[in-house]
Amino acid sequence: MTNVVAGSNESFESLLKRFTRKVQQDGILSEVRHREYFEKPSVKRKRKAAAKRRKSARTQRKR
């Protein structure tokens, strides 16, 4: 559970901005999107393998 404590003179807008940033850093929204529908184990493996290939290609380009 993500929570943000408000400062003494903090506006609602800055508090909301801090909360959304923290939610995005924790990866909560992406996890909710993945859990929205059931994903077969074979599809999950393919998705993870594709992500691994993309990540390794990205690191190869940086070198």
N, C-alpha and C. Protein backbone atom coordinates (compact mmCIF):
# COMPACT_ATOMS: atom_id res chain seq x y z
N MET A 1 0.85 -1.17 0.00
CA MET A 1 0.00 0.00 0.00
C MET A 1 0.89 1.24 0.00
N THR A 2 0.66 2.09 -0.95
CA THR A 2 1.44 3.31 -1.06
C THR A 2 0.74 4.43 -0.31
N ASN A 3 1.49 5.11 0.53
CA ASN A 3 0.92 6.25 1.23
C ASN A 3 1.91 7.40 1.22
N VAL A 4 1.36 8.61 1.31
CA VAL A 4 2.15 9.83 1.30
C VAL A 4 1.65 10.69 2.44
N VAL A 5 2.56 11.17 3.27
CA VAL A 5 2.19 12.02 4.41
C VAL A 5 2.29 13.48 3.97
N ALA A 6 1.24 14.22 4.24
CA ALA A 6 1.20 15.62 3.84
C ALA A 6 2.05 16.47 4.77
N GLY A 7 2.76 17.44 4.18
CA GLY A 7 3.53 18.38 4.96
C GLY A 7 2.63 19.42 5.60
N SER A 8 3.19 20.28 6.42
CA SER A 8 2.37 21.26 7.15
C SER A 8 1.75 22.30 6.21
N ASN A 9 2.52 22.79 5.25
CA ASN A 9 2.01 23.82 4.33
C ASN A 9 1.98 23.32 2.89
N GLU A 10 1.80 22.03 2.69
CA GLU A 10 1.84 21.46 1.34
C GLU A 10 0.47 21.53 0.69
N SER A 11 0.43 21.94 -0.57
CA SER A 11 -0.85 22.03 -1.27
C SER A 11 -1.28 20.64 -1.74
N PHE A 12 -2.56 20.53 -2.03
CA PHE A 12 -3.11 19.26 -2.49
C PHE A 12 -2.50 18.84 -3.81
N GLU A 13 -2.23 19.81 -4.70
CA GLU A 13 -1.68 19.49 -6.01
C GLU A 13 -0.29 18.87 -5.89
N SER A 14 0.55 19.44 -5.03
CA SER A 14 1.90 18.87 -4.88
C SER A 14 1.84 17.51 -4.19
N LEU A 15 0.90 17.34 -3.27
CA LEU A 15 0.72 16.05 -2.61
C LEU A 15 0.28 14.99 -3.62
N LEU A 16 -0.66 15.37 -4.49
CA LEU A 16 -1.14 14.44 -5.52
C LEU A 16 -0.02 14.10 -6.50
N LYS A 17 0.79 15.08 -6.86
CA LYS A 17 1.90 14.85 -7.79
C LYS A 17 2.92 13.89 -7.17
N ARG A 18 3.20 14.07 -5.88
CA ARG A 18 4.13 13.18 -5.18
C ARG A 18 3.58 11.75 -5.10
N PHE A 19 2.25 11.65 -4.86
CA PHE A 19 1.62 10.34 -4.77
C PHE A 19 1.67 9.61 -6.10
N THR A 20 1.33 10.30 -7.20
CA THR A 20 1.35 9.65 -8.51
C THR A 20 2.77 9.22 -8.89
N ARG A 21 3.76 10.04 -8.55
CA ARG A 21 5.15 9.68 -8.83
C ARG A 21 5.55 8.42 -8.06
N LYS A 22 5.14 8.34 -6.81
CA LYS A 22 5.47 7.18 -5.99
C LYS A 22 4.77 5.93 -6.50
N VAL A 23 3.52 6.05 -6.92
CA VAL A 23 2.78 4.91 -7.47
C VAL A 23 3.47 4.41 -8.74
N GLN A 24 3.91 5.33 -9.58
CA GLN A 24 4.57 4.93 -10.82
C GLN A 24 5.92 4.27 -10.52
N GLN A 25 6.66 4.76 -9.56
CA GLN A 25 7.94 4.16 -9.20
C GLN A 25 7.77 2.77 -8.62
N ASP A 26 6.69 2.55 -7.88
CA ASP A 26 6.44 1.24 -7.29
C ASP A 26 5.92 0.24 -8.32
N GLY A 27 5.49 0.71 -9.48
CA GLY A 27 5.02 -0.19 -10.54
C GLY A 27 3.63 -0.75 -10.29
N ILE A 28 2.84 -0.04 -9.55
CA ILE A 28 1.52 -0.54 -9.18
C ILE A 28 0.58 -0.57 -10.39
N LEU A 29 0.58 0.48 -11.19
CA LEU A 29 -0.34 0.53 -12.33
C LEU A 29 -0.01 -0.52 -13.38
N SER A 30 1.28 -0.74 -13.63
CA SER A 30 1.65 -1.76 -14.61
C SER A 30 1.26 -3.15 -14.11
N GLU A 31 1.39 -3.38 -12.82
CA GLU A 31 1.00 -4.68 -12.27
C GLU A 31 -0.52 -4.87 -12.37
N VAL A 32 -1.28 -3.83 -12.14
CA VAL A 32 -2.74 -3.92 -12.25
C VAL A 32 -3.13 -4.23 -13.68
N ARG A 33 -2.47 -3.61 -14.65
CA ARG A 33 -2.78 -3.89 -16.05
C ARG A 33 -2.47 -5.33 -16.40
N HIS A 34 -1.38 -5.89 -15.86
CA HIS A 34 -1.05 -7.28 -16.14
C HIS A 34 -2.03 -8.23 -15.49
N ARG A 35 -2.56 -7.87 -14.33
CA ARG A 35 -3.48 -8.75 -13.61
C ARG A 35 -4.93 -8.56 -14.01
N GLU A 36 -5.18 -7.65 -14.94
CA GLU A 36 -6.56 -7.36 -15.32
C GLU A 36 -7.24 -8.57 -15.94
N TYR A 37 -6.51 -9.32 -16.76
CA TYR A 37 -7.02 -10.52 -17.40
C TYR A 37 -6.07 -11.67 -17.10
N PHE A 38 -6.61 -12.89 -17.13
CA PHE A 38 -5.76 -14.06 -16.91
C PHE A 38 -4.81 -14.22 -18.08
N GLU A 39 -3.58 -14.53 -17.77
CA GLU A 39 -2.57 -14.74 -18.79
C GLU A 39 -2.05 -16.16 -18.67
N LYS A 40 -2.13 -16.91 -19.76
CA LYS A 40 -1.67 -18.29 -19.71
C LYS A 40 -0.17 -18.31 -19.42
N PRO A 41 0.30 -19.36 -18.77
CA PRO A 41 1.73 -19.44 -18.46
C PRO A 41 2.62 -19.39 -19.69
N SER A 42 2.17 -19.97 -20.81
CA SER A 42 2.98 -19.94 -22.03
C SER A 42 3.10 -18.51 -22.56
N VAL A 43 2.02 -17.75 -22.48
CA VAL A 43 2.04 -16.35 -22.94
C VAL A 43 2.92 -15.53 -22.03
N LYS A 44 2.86 -15.82 -20.73
CA LYS A 44 3.69 -15.09 -19.76
C LYS A 44 5.18 -15.33 -20.04
N ARG A 45 5.53 -16.59 -20.33
CA ARG A 45 6.93 -16.91 -20.65
C ARG A 45 7.38 -16.18 -21.90
N LYS A 46 6.53 -16.16 -22.94
CA LYS A 46 6.88 -15.48 -24.19
C LYS A 46 7.06 -13.98 -23.95
N ARG A 47 6.19 -13.38 -23.15
CA ARG A 47 6.29 -11.95 -22.88
C ARG A 47 7.57 -11.62 -22.13
N LYS A 48 7.91 -12.46 -21.13
CA LYS A 48 9.12 -12.22 -20.36
C LYS A 48 10.36 -12.43 -21.22
N ALA A 49 10.34 -13.43 -22.11
CA ALA A 49 11.48 -13.66 -22.99
C ALA A 49 11.67 -12.50 -23.96
N ALA A 50 10.57 -11.97 -24.47
CA ALA A 50 10.66 -10.83 -25.39
C ALA A 50 11.21 -9.60 -24.66
N ALA A 51 10.78 -9.39 -23.42
CA ALA A 51 11.30 -8.26 -22.65
C ALA A 51 12.79 -8.43 -22.38
N LYS A 52 13.20 -9.66 -22.12
CA LYS A 52 14.62 -9.93 -21.89
C LYS A 52 15.44 -9.65 -23.15
N ARG A 53 14.89 -10.06 -24.31
CA ARG A 53 15.59 -9.79 -25.58
C ARG A 53 15.70 -8.29 -25.83
N ARG A 54 14.62 -7.55 -25.57
CA ARG A 54 14.65 -6.09 -25.77
C ARG A 54 15.68 -5.45 -24.85
N LYS A 55 15.72 -5.89 -23.60
CA LYS A 55 16.65 -5.31 -22.65
C LYS A 55 18.10 -5.60 -23.02
N SER A 56 18.37 -6.83 -23.46
CA SER A 56 19.75 -7.15 -23.84
C SER A 56 20.15 -6.41 -25.11
N ALA A 57 19.23 -6.22 -26.05
CA ALA A 57 19.52 -5.46 -27.26
C ALA A 57 19.81 -4.01 -26.90
N ARG A 58 19.08 -3.47 -25.95
CA ARG A 58 19.29 -2.08 -25.53
C ARG A 58 20.67 -1.91 -24.90
N THR A 59 21.08 -2.88 -24.07
CA THR A 59 22.39 -2.78 -23.45
C THR A 59 23.51 -2.97 -24.47
N GLN A 60 23.27 -3.78 -25.49
CA GLN A 60 24.28 -3.97 -26.53
C GLN A 60 24.47 -2.68 -27.34
N ARG A 61 23.39 -1.96 -27.60
CA ARG A 61 23.48 -0.71 -28.34
C ARG A 61 24.22 0.35 -27.57
N LYS A 62 24.09 0.34 -26.23
CA LYS A 62 24.76 1.34 -25.41
C LYS A 62 26.26 1.11 -25.35
N ARG A 63 26.68 -0.11 -25.55
CA ARG A 63 28.11 -0.43 -25.49
C ARG A 63 28.77 -0.11 -26.75
